[in-house]
Amino acid sequence: MGFSAGGYVAAAVGLQHDPASRPDFVAPIYGAMPEEFSVPKDAAPLFLAHADDDKTVPVVKTSVRLYLAWKEAQMPAELHIYLRGGHGFGMRKKGLPVDTWIDRFRDWLGNQGLLKPAQ
């Protein structure tokens, strides 16, 4: 998981890894994506979240491309594009729907079997 520039790093790890370094999931949050890429055959599940009004980098366009490539490769992927939130919304409450992205991420992790049951 990574945010902004860290989102680029998270995507890059998800796209280029060996069996020993394959992540359990890939979650670039409002991160730019590599221009050229191919989805690995052992791609980890992908979760993307962005705000449509993010003017910092063209994250929405590249995220849609990454999402569609994952789906074309028949790999699990989920994409959330919120109308407002800008760049760097993080986990701060702004009174916007983007405030709930972390809840959607937790739901997604659970659906992927990546969360341990509560004790």
C-alpha atoms as a PDB file:
ATOM      1  CA  MET A   1       0.000   0.000   0.000  1.00  0.00           C
ATOM      2  CA  GLY A   2       1.213   3.465  -0.776  1.00  0.00           C
ATOM      3  CA  PHE A   3      -0.066   7.015  -1.061  1.00  0.00           C
ATOM      4  CA  SER A   4       0.819   9.489  -3.827  1.00  0.00           C
ATOM      5  CA  ALA A   5       4.461   8.758  -4.789  1.00  0.00           C
ATOM      6  CA  GLY A   6       4.241   5.696  -2.528  1.00  0.00           C
ATOM      7  CA  GLY A   7       1.252   4.616  -4.616  1.00  0.00           C
ATOM      8  CA  TYR A   8       3.536   4.538  -7.643  1.00  0.00           C
ATOM      9  CA  VAL A   9       5.970   2.358  -5.674  1.00  0.00           C
ATOM     10  CA  ALA A  10       3.141   0.039  -4.577  1.00  0.00           C
ATOM     11  CA  ALA A  11       1.958  -0.324  -8.184  1.00  0.00           C
ATOM     12  CA  ALA A  12       5.511  -0.950  -9.391  1.00  0.00           C
ATOM     13  CA  VAL A  13       6.007  -3.729  -6.814  1.00  0.00           C
ATOM     14  CA  GLY A  14       2.704  -5.259  -7.865  1.00  0.00           C
ATOM     15  CA  LEU A  15       3.805  -5.186 -11.489  1.00  0.00           C
ATOM     16  CA  GLN A  16       7.419  -6.324 -11.088  1.00  0.00           C
ATOM     17  CA  HIS A  17       8.236  -8.902  -8.454  1.00  0.00           C
ATOM     18  CA  ASP A  18       9.631 -12.378  -8.113  1.00  0.00           C
ATOM     19  CA  PRO A  19       7.939 -15.205  -6.201  1.00  0.00           C
ATOM     20  CA  ALA A  20       9.761 -14.269  -2.986  1.00  0.00           C
ATOM     21  CA  SER A  21       8.764 -10.596  -3.141  1.00  0.00           C
ATOM     22  CA  ARG A  22       5.170 -10.940  -4.418  1.00  0.00           C
ATOM     23  CA  PRO A  23       2.907  -8.779  -2.236  1.00  0.00           C
ATOM     24  CA  ASP A  24      -0.317 -10.182  -0.747  1.00  0.00           C
ATOM     25  CA  PHE A  25      -2.188  -7.204  -2.234  1.00  0.00           C
ATOM     26  CA  VAL A  26      -1.522  -3.997  -4.149  1.00  0.00           C
ATOM     27  CA  ALA A  27      -3.194  -0.767  -3.014  1.00  0.00           C
ATOM     28  CA  PRO A  28      -2.037   2.430  -4.716  1.00  0.00           C
ATOM     29  CA  ILE A  29      -4.061   5.236  -3.119  1.00  0.00           C
ATOM     30  CA  TYR A  30      -4.109   8.414  -5.266  1.00  0.00           C
ATOM     31  CA  GLY A  31      -0.838   7.333  -6.836  1.00  0.00           C
ATOM     32  CA  ALA A  32       0.415   7.785 -10.370  1.00  0.00           C
ATOM     33  CA  MET A  33       0.957   4.614 -12.362  1.00  0.00           C
ATOM     34  CA  PRO A  34       3.718   3.551 -14.718  1.00  0.00           C
ATOM     35  CA  GLU A  35       2.998   4.511 -18.323  1.00  0.00           C
ATOM     36  CA  GLU A  36       3.902   1.099 -19.719  1.00  0.00           C
ATOM     37  CA  PHE A  37       3.111  -2.103 -17.861  1.00  0.00           C
ATOM     38  CA  SER A  38       1.907  -5.643 -18.196  1.00  0.00           C
ATOM     39  CA  VAL A  39       0.031  -7.535 -15.514  1.00  0.00           C
ATOM     40  CA  PRO A  40       2.067 -10.449 -14.151  1.00  0.00           C
ATOM     41  CA  LYS A  41       0.551 -13.920 -14.291  1.00  0.00           C
ATOM     42  CA  ASP A  42       0.742 -14.124 -10.477  1.00  0.00           C
ATOM     43  CA  ALA A  43      -0.663 -10.619  -9.873  1.00  0.00           C
ATOM     44  CA  ALA A  44      -1.849  -9.882  -6.360  1.00  0.00           C
ATOM     45  CA  PRO A  45      -5.368  -8.527  -5.770  1.00  0.00           C
ATOM     46  CA  LEU A  46      -5.596  -4.800  -6.567  1.00  0.00           C
ATOM     47  CA  PHE A  47      -7.449  -2.018  -4.714  1.00  0.00           C
ATOM     48  CA  LEU A  48      -7.442   1.546  -6.034  1.00  0.00           C
ATOM     49  CA  ALA A  49      -8.908   4.719  -4.518  1.00  0.00           C
ATOM     50  CA  HIS A  50      -8.750   8.260  -5.919  1.00  0.00           C
ATOM     51  CA  ALA A  51     -10.633  11.536  -6.032  1.00  0.00           C
ATOM     52  CA  ASP A  52     -11.825  12.748  -9.422  1.00  0.00           C
ATOM     53  CA  ASP A  53     -10.825  16.316  -8.552  1.00  0.00           C
ATOM     54  CA  ASP A  54      -7.177  15.352  -7.884  1.00  0.00           C
ATOM     55  CA  LYS A  55      -5.248  17.724 -10.152  1.00  0.00           C
ATOM     56  CA  THR A  56      -1.767  16.772  -8.902  1.00  0.00           C
ATOM     57  CA  VAL A  57      -1.180  13.947 -11.357  1.00  0.00           C
ATOM     58  CA  PRO A  58      -3.485  12.217 -13.883  1.00  0.00           C
ATOM     59  CA  VAL A  59      -4.248   9.440 -11.391  1.00  0.00           C
ATOM     60  CA  VAL A  60      -7.794   8.671 -12.471  1.00  0.00           C
ATOM     61  CA  LYS A  61      -6.902   7.944 -16.100  1.00  0.00           C
ATOM     62  CA  THR A  62      -3.927   5.761 -15.206  1.00  0.00           C
ATOM     63  CA  SER A  63      -5.831   4.002 -12.417  1.00  0.00           C
ATOM     64  CA  VAL A  64      -8.641   3.089 -14.801  1.00  0.00           C
ATOM     65  CA  ARG A  65      -6.040   1.674 -17.216  1.00  0.00           C
ATOM     66  CA  LEU A  66      -4.468  -0.382 -14.418  1.00  0.00           C
ATOM     67  CA  TYR A  67      -7.865  -1.608 -13.208  1.00  0.00           C
ATOM     68  CA  LEU A  68      -8.940  -2.631 -16.724  1.00  0.00           C
ATOM     69  CA  ALA A  69      -5.635  -4.419 -17.332  1.00  0.00           C
ATOM     70  CA  TRP A  70      -6.092  -6.392 -14.079  1.00  0.00           C
ATOM     71  CA  LYS A  71      -9.644  -7.332 -15.079  1.00  0.00           C
ATOM     72  CA  GLU A  72      -8.546  -8.318 -18.605  1.00  0.00           C
ATOM     73  CA  ALA A  73      -5.958 -10.609 -16.978  1.00  0.00           C
ATOM     74  CA  GLN A  74      -8.839 -12.044 -14.876  1.00  0.00           C
ATOM     75  CA  MET A  75      -7.241 -10.910 -11.628  1.00  0.00           C
ATOM     76  CA  PRO A  76      -9.228  -9.524  -8.684  1.00  0.00           C
ATOM     77  CA  ALA A  77      -9.431  -5.730  -8.686  1.00  0.00           C
ATOM     78  CA  GLU A  78     -11.601  -3.014  -7.179  1.00  0.00           C
ATOM     79  CA  LEU A  79     -11.588   0.683  -8.115  1.00  0.00           C
ATOM     80  CA  HIS A  80     -13.118   3.598  -6.187  1.00  0.00           C
ATOM     81  CA  ILE A  81     -13.219   7.075  -7.712  1.00  0.00           C
ATOM     82  CA  TYR A  82     -14.769   9.670  -5.431  1.00  0.00           C
ATOM     83  CA  LEU A  83     -16.116  12.909  -6.895  1.00  0.00           C
ATOM     84  CA  ARG A  84     -14.304  15.170  -4.418  1.00  0.00           C
ATOM     85  CA  GLY A  85     -11.389  14.781  -2.070  1.00  0.00           C
ATOM     86  CA  GLY A  86      -8.438  16.239  -3.941  1.00  0.00           C
ATOM     87  CA  HIS A  87      -4.933  14.875  -3.598  1.00  0.00           C
ATOM     88  CA  GLY A  88      -3.748  13.679  -0.211  1.00  0.00           C
ATOM     89  CA  PHE A  89      -7.130  13.047   1.392  1.00  0.00           C
ATOM     90  CA  GLY A  90      -5.594  10.359   3.594  1.00  0.00           C
ATOM     91  CA  MET A  91      -7.778   9.408   6.533  1.00  0.00           C
ATOM     92  CA  ARG A  92      -8.773  12.954   7.529  1.00  0.00           C
ATOM     93  CA  LYS A  93     -12.522  13.477   7.767  1.00  0.00           C
ATOM     94  CA  LYS A  94     -13.634  16.113   5.279  1.00  0.00           C
ATOM     95  CA  GLY A  95     -17.384  15.552   5.383  1.00  0.00           C
ATOM     96  CA  LEU A  96     -17.214  13.897   1.945  1.00  0.00           C
ATOM     97  CA  PRO A  97     -17.913  10.379   0.669  1.00  0.00           C
ATOM     98  CA  VAL A  98     -14.129   9.937   0.263  1.00  0.00           C
ATOM     99  CA  ASP A  99     -14.021   9.804   4.083  1.00  0.00           C
ATOM    100  CA  THR A 100     -15.223   6.190   3.868  1.00  0.00           C
ATOM    101  CA  TRP A 101     -12.501   4.844   1.569  1.00  0.00           C
ATOM    102  CA  ILE A 102     -10.724   3.129   4.483  1.00  0.00           C
ATOM    103  CA  ASP A 103     -13.957   1.284   5.317  1.00  0.00           C
ATOM    104  CA  ARG A 104     -14.204   0.090   1.709  1.00  0.00           C
ATOM    105  CA  PHE A 105     -10.567  -1.015   1.894  1.00  0.00           C
ATOM    106  CA  ARG A 106     -11.216  -2.967   5.111  1.00  0.00           C
ATOM    107  CA  ASP A 107     -14.268  -4.607   3.500  1.00  0.00           C
ATOM    108  CA  TRP A 108     -12.177  -5.495   0.461  1.00  0.00           C
ATOM    109  CA  LEU A 109      -9.348  -6.964   2.568  1.00  0.00           C
ATOM    110  CA  GLY A 110     -11.906  -9.130   4.375  1.00  0.00           C
ATOM    111  CA  ASN A 111     -13.479 -10.287   1.112  1.00  0.00           C
ATOM    112  CA  GLN A 112     -10.037 -11.232  -0.181  1.00  0.00           C
ATOM    113  CA  GLY A 113      -9.402 -13.319   2.963  1.00  0.00           C
ATOM    114  CA  LEU A 114      -6.548 -11.034   3.994  1.00  0.00           C
ATOM    115  CA  LEU A 115      -7.789 -10.142   7.483  1.00  0.00           C
ATOM    116  CA  LYS A 116      -7.486 -12.354  10.509  1.00  0.00           C
ATOM    117  CA  PRO A 117     -10.774 -12.948  12.356  1.00  0.00           C
ATOM    118  CA  ALA A 118     -11.212 -10.930  15.557  1.00  0.00           C
ATOM    119  CA  GLN A 119     -10.230 -12.884  18.666  1.00  0.00           C
END
